[in-house]
Amino acid sequence: MPTTFDVLADASRRRILDLLRDGERPVSDLVEDLGLTQPTVSKHLRVLREAGFVTARPDAQRRLYRLRLRPLRELDAWLAPYRRLWSDRLDALEDHLDQMED
């Protein structure tokens, strides 16, 4: 099973997640917006579904896909200490630049 980073390393899968931020979308909409073939989009959706990033529900003859927030929250929690580190470094740079102006 691929890791979260394996799943998100693919630009098309990240773009699918971006498109699903606004709500449920059928595969046909994703195909149109991505400019990829239906089998390619379906393959990416399968990877995202198996990794828990999206869910699908039947709607007549089509399937609607939507984001699952839990894996994204887990990723955000993992990134939090790195975000704080980056923020601290930017604050130090800002202080240094302010001192140079004085």
Protein backbone atom coordinates (compact mmCIF):
# COMPACT_ATOMS: atom_id res chain seq x y z
CA MET A 1 0.00 0.00 0.00
CA PRO A 2 1.40 3.41 -0.93
CA THR A 3 2.21 5.95 1.75
CA THR A 4 0.48 9.31 2.00
CA PHE A 5 3.50 10.91 0.38
CA ASP A 6 3.48 8.39 -2.47
CA VAL A 7 -0.17 9.21 -3.11
CA LEU A 8 0.32 12.97 -2.96
CA ALA A 9 3.54 12.95 -4.99
CA ASP A 10 1.52 12.71 -8.19
CA ALA A 11 0.47 16.12 -9.57
CA SER A 12 -2.74 14.76 -11.10
CA ARG A 13 -3.88 13.34 -7.77
CA ARG A 14 -3.13 16.64 -6.04
CA ARG A 15 -5.13 18.44 -8.73
CA ILE A 16 -8.05 16.05 -8.18
CA LEU A 17 -7.99 16.89 -4.46
CA ASP A 18 -7.96 20.59 -5.37
CA LEU A 19 -10.99 20.12 -7.62
CA LEU A 20 -12.87 18.25 -4.91
CA ARG A 21 -12.40 21.03 -2.34
CA ASP A 22 -15.58 22.69 -3.60
CA GLY A 23 -17.66 19.55 -3.16
CA GLU A 24 -18.68 16.33 -4.84
CA ARG A 25 -17.84 15.88 -8.49
CA PRO A 26 -18.59 13.15 -11.02
CA VAL A 27 -15.72 11.54 -12.88
CA SER A 28 -16.81 13.21 -16.11
CA ASP A 29 -16.27 16.68 -14.61
CA LEU A 30 -12.84 15.69 -13.36
CA VAL A 31 -11.92 14.30 -16.78
CA GLU A 32 -12.96 17.56 -18.43
CA ASP A 33 -11.12 19.80 -15.94
CA LEU A 34 -7.94 17.72 -15.90
CA GLY A 35 -7.74 17.10 -19.63
CA LEU A 36 -6.90 13.44 -18.99
CA THR A 37 -8.60 10.31 -20.26
CA GLN A 38 -11.38 8.73 -18.22
CA PRO A 39 -9.35 5.58 -17.50
CA THR A 40 -6.43 7.69 -16.24
CA VAL A 41 -8.64 9.75 -13.94
CA SER A 42 -10.34 6.58 -12.68
CA LYS A 43 -6.94 5.07 -11.90
CA HIS A 44 -5.96 8.14 -9.86
CA LEU A 45 -9.32 8.12 -8.08
CA ARG A 46 -8.85 4.46 -7.17
CA VAL A 47 -5.46 5.26 -5.60
CA LEU A 48 -6.96 8.21 -3.69
CA ARG A 49 -9.92 6.09 -2.56
CA GLU A 50 -7.74 3.19 -1.39
CA ALA A 51 -5.54 5.64 0.53
CA GLY A 52 -8.63 7.13 2.19
CA PHE A 53 -8.46 10.60 0.63
CA VAL A 54 -11.75 10.36 -1.26
CA THR A 55 -15.01 8.48 -1.08
CA ALA A 56 -17.40 7.63 -3.88
CA ARG A 57 -21.14 7.21 -3.88
CA PRO A 58 -23.39 6.01 -6.68
CA ASP A 59 -25.78 8.51 -8.23
CA ALA A 60 -27.85 6.84 -10.95
CA GLN A 61 -25.39 5.89 -13.70
CA ARG A 62 -22.43 7.81 -12.30
CA ARG A 63 -20.24 7.95 -9.22
CA LEU A 64 -19.73 11.13 -7.24
CA TYR A 65 -16.40 11.64 -5.50
CA ARG A 66 -15.70 13.82 -2.49
CA LEU A 67 -12.84 14.54 -0.14
CA ARG A 68 -12.33 12.80 3.16
CA LEU A 69 -10.82 15.27 5.59
CA ARG A 70 -9.33 12.86 8.14
CA PRO A 71 -6.17 11.97 6.17
CA LEU A 72 -5.64 15.65 5.38
CA ARG A 73 -5.95 16.53 9.08
CA GLU A 74 -3.42 13.82 9.91
CA LEU A 75 -1.04 15.23 7.30
CA ASP A 76 -1.55 18.74 8.64
CA ALA A 77 -0.78 17.55 12.18
CA TRP A 78 2.40 15.87 10.97
CA LEU A 79 3.48 19.07 9.18
CA ALA A 80 2.74 21.39 12.14
CA PRO A 81 6.20 21.20 13.77
CA TYR A 82 7.86 21.90 10.44
CA ARG A 83 5.53 24.84 9.83
CA ARG A 84 6.50 26.29 13.23
CA LEU A 85 10.19 25.84 12.39
CA TRP A 86 9.72 27.66 9.08
CA SER A 87 7.73 30.44 10.78
CA ASP A 88 10.45 30.91 13.41
CA ARG A 89 13.07 31.25 10.69
CA LEU A 90 11.01 33.80 8.79
CA ASP A 91 10.52 35.80 12.00
CA ALA A 92 14.30 35.76 12.56
CA LEU A 93 14.87 36.95 8.99
CA GLU A 94 12.36 39.76 9.46
CA ASP A 95 14.13 40.83 12.69
CA HIS A 96 17.49 40.78 10.90
CA LEU A 97 16.19 42.87 8.00
CA ASP A 98 14.61 45.36 10.44
CA GLN A 99 17.96 45.72 12.22
CA MET A 100 19.72 46.36 8.91
CA GLU A 101 17.35 49.27 8.19
CA ASP A 102 18.17 50.98 11.51
